[in-house]
């Protein structure tokens, strides 16, 4: 199950460089491509807003 970014996202960009497969796209809020996500959790572990969780 891929991770998802909620509307709690503050668009800080902290998660983007943590994704080893470049599945995160900037936007409002940022989004994670479920087909590309490898479920590593790197993004969720660095999110200061706790806006990323398994979806």
N, C-alpha and C. Protein backbone atom coordinates (compact mmCIF):
# COMPACT_ATOMS: atom_id res chain seq x y z
N UNK A 1 0.84 -1.18 0.00
CA UNK A 1 0.00 0.00 0.00
C UNK A 1 0.89 1.24 0.00
N UNK A 2 0.67 2.11 -0.94
CA UNK A 2 1.49 3.31 -1.09
C UNK A 2 1.17 4.34 -0.02
N UNK A 3 2.10 5.25 0.17
CA UNK A 3 1.90 6.37 1.08
C UNK A 3 1.10 7.45 0.37
N UNK A 4 0.38 8.25 1.16
CA UNK A 4 -0.39 9.38 0.63
C UNK A 4 -0.08 10.61 1.46
N UNK A 5 -0.22 11.75 0.82
CA UNK A 5 0.01 13.03 1.50
C UNK A 5 -1.34 13.70 1.71
N UNK A 6 -1.64 14.06 2.95
CA UNK A 6 -2.92 14.67 3.28
C UNK A 6 -2.90 16.18 3.05
N UNK A 7 -4.04 16.79 3.25
CA UNK A 7 -4.14 18.24 3.10
C UNK A 7 -3.42 18.98 4.23
N UNK A 8 -2.87 18.24 5.19
CA UNK A 8 -2.06 18.86 6.25
C UNK A 8 -0.68 19.26 5.72
N UNK A 9 -0.38 18.87 4.50
CA UNK A 9 0.91 19.17 3.86
C UNK A 9 1.15 20.68 3.86
N UNK A 10 2.34 21.09 4.30
CA UNK A 10 2.70 22.50 4.32
C UNK A 10 3.59 22.88 3.15
N UNK A 11 3.75 21.93 2.21
CA UNK A 11 4.50 22.17 0.97
C UNK A 11 5.92 22.67 1.21
N UNK A 12 6.58 22.08 2.19
CA UNK A 12 7.93 22.51 2.55
C UNK A 12 9.01 21.86 1.67
N UNK A 13 8.67 20.72 1.05
CA UNK A 13 9.63 20.05 0.17
C UNK A 13 10.59 19.10 0.85
N UNK A 14 10.48 18.94 2.15
CA UNK A 14 11.40 18.07 2.89
C UNK A 14 11.35 16.63 2.40
N UNK A 15 10.19 16.17 2.00
CA UNK A 15 10.01 14.78 1.58
C UNK A 15 10.60 14.46 0.21
N UNK A 16 10.62 15.43 -0.67
CA UNK A 16 11.00 15.18 -2.07
C UNK A 16 12.37 14.53 -2.23
N UNK A 17 13.44 15.06 -1.64
CA UNK A 17 14.75 14.41 -1.83
C UNK A 17 14.88 13.07 -1.12
N UNK A 18 13.97 12.75 -0.22
CA UNK A 18 14.03 11.48 0.52
C UNK A 18 13.48 10.31 -0.28
N UNK A 19 12.73 10.58 -1.35
CA UNK A 19 12.10 9.52 -2.14
C UNK A 19 13.11 8.93 -3.13
N UNK A 20 13.46 7.65 -2.96
CA UNK A 20 14.47 7.03 -3.83
C UNK A 20 13.98 6.77 -5.25
N UNK A 21 12.66 6.85 -5.47
CA UNK A 21 12.12 6.56 -6.80
C UNK A 21 11.42 7.78 -7.42
N UNK A 22 11.61 8.94 -6.85
CA UNK A 22 11.04 10.20 -7.35
C UNK A 22 9.53 10.12 -7.57
N UNK A 23 8.81 9.58 -6.61
CA UNK A 23 7.36 9.41 -6.72
C UNK A 23 6.57 10.62 -6.22
N UNK A 24 7.25 11.61 -5.66
CA UNK A 24 6.57 12.76 -5.07
C UNK A 24 6.57 13.94 -6.03
N UNK A 25 5.39 14.51 -6.24
CA UNK A 25 5.24 15.66 -7.12
C UNK A 25 4.80 16.87 -6.31
N UNK A 26 5.36 18.03 -6.66
CA UNK A 26 4.98 19.26 -5.98
C UNK A 26 3.59 19.67 -6.41
N UNK A 27 2.88 20.30 -5.51
CA UNK A 27 1.53 20.78 -5.77
C UNK A 27 0.92 21.26 -4.48
N UNK A 28 -0.37 21.37 -4.47
CA UNK A 28 -1.03 21.84 -3.27
C UNK A 28 -2.20 20.91 -2.94
N UNK A 29 -2.01 19.89 -2.12
CA UNK A 29 -0.75 19.47 -1.49
C UNK A 29 0.11 18.66 -2.45
N UNK A 30 1.32 18.33 -2.00
CA UNK A 30 2.17 17.45 -2.78
C UNK A 30 1.44 16.11 -2.94
N UNK A 31 1.82 15.33 -3.95
CA UNK A 31 1.20 14.03 -4.17
C UNK A 31 2.26 12.96 -4.36
N UNK A 32 1.87 11.72 -4.08
CA UNK A 32 2.74 10.57 -4.27
C UNK A 32 2.10 9.66 -5.30
N UNK A 33 2.84 9.31 -6.33
CA UNK A 33 2.35 8.39 -7.36
C UNK A 33 2.33 6.99 -6.77
N UNK A 34 1.14 6.45 -6.57
CA UNK A 34 0.98 5.14 -5.93
C UNK A 34 1.62 4.01 -6.73
N UNK A 35 1.68 4.15 -8.04
CA UNK A 35 2.27 3.10 -8.88
C UNK A 35 3.79 3.09 -8.77
N UNK A 36 4.37 4.23 -8.45
CA UNK A 36 5.83 4.34 -8.35
C UNK A 36 6.33 4.11 -6.93
N UNK A 37 5.53 4.48 -5.94
CA UNK A 37 5.91 4.37 -4.53
C UNK A 37 6.29 2.93 -4.17
N UNK A 38 7.42 2.78 -3.50
CA UNK A 38 7.91 1.45 -3.10
C UNK A 38 7.62 1.16 -1.62
N UNK A 39 6.86 2.04 -0.97
CA UNK A 39 6.43 1.83 0.40
C UNK A 39 7.60 1.83 1.40
N UNK A 40 8.63 2.64 1.10
CA UNK A 40 9.81 2.65 1.98
C UNK A 40 9.59 3.46 3.25
N UNK A 41 8.72 4.48 3.19
CA UNK A 41 8.44 5.29 4.37
C UNK A 41 9.41 6.42 4.64
N UNK A 42 10.40 6.61 3.79
CA UNK A 42 11.37 7.69 4.01
C UNK A 42 10.69 9.05 4.09
N UNK A 43 9.72 9.27 3.24
CA UNK A 43 9.03 10.55 3.20
C UNK A 43 8.29 10.82 4.51
N UNK A 44 7.57 9.83 4.99
CA UNK A 44 6.79 9.99 6.22
C UNK A 44 7.69 10.25 7.42
N UNK A 45 8.86 9.66 7.41
CA UNK A 45 9.75 9.81 8.57
C UNK A 45 10.33 11.21 8.71
N UNK A 46 10.34 12.00 7.62
CA UNK A 46 10.92 13.34 7.68
C UNK A 46 9.89 14.46 7.62
N UNK A 47 8.62 14.13 7.44
CA UNK A 47 7.59 15.15 7.30
C UNK A 47 7.35 15.90 8.62
N UNK A 48 7.62 17.21 8.64
CA UNK A 48 7.43 17.97 9.88
C UNK A 48 5.97 18.20 10.24
N UNK A 49 5.06 18.01 9.28
CA UNK A 49 3.64 18.23 9.54
C UNK A 49 2.88 16.92 9.77
N UNK A 50 3.59 15.82 9.77
CA UNK A 50 2.95 14.49 9.90
C UNK A 50 1.81 14.33 8.91
N UNK A 51 2.05 14.80 7.68
CA UNK A 51 1.01 14.78 6.65
C UNK A 51 1.09 13.55 5.74
N UNK A 52 2.04 12.66 5.98
CA UNK A 52 2.21 11.51 5.11
C UNK A 52 1.96 10.23 5.90
N UNK A 53 1.11 9.38 5.32
CA UNK A 53 0.76 8.11 5.98
C UNK A 53 0.42 7.09 4.91
N UNK A 54 0.42 5.82 5.30
CA UNK A 54 0.01 4.79 4.37
C UNK A 54 -1.44 5.01 3.99
N UNK A 55 -1.72 4.89 2.71
CA UNK A 55 -3.06 5.18 2.24
C UNK A 55 -3.75 3.98 1.84
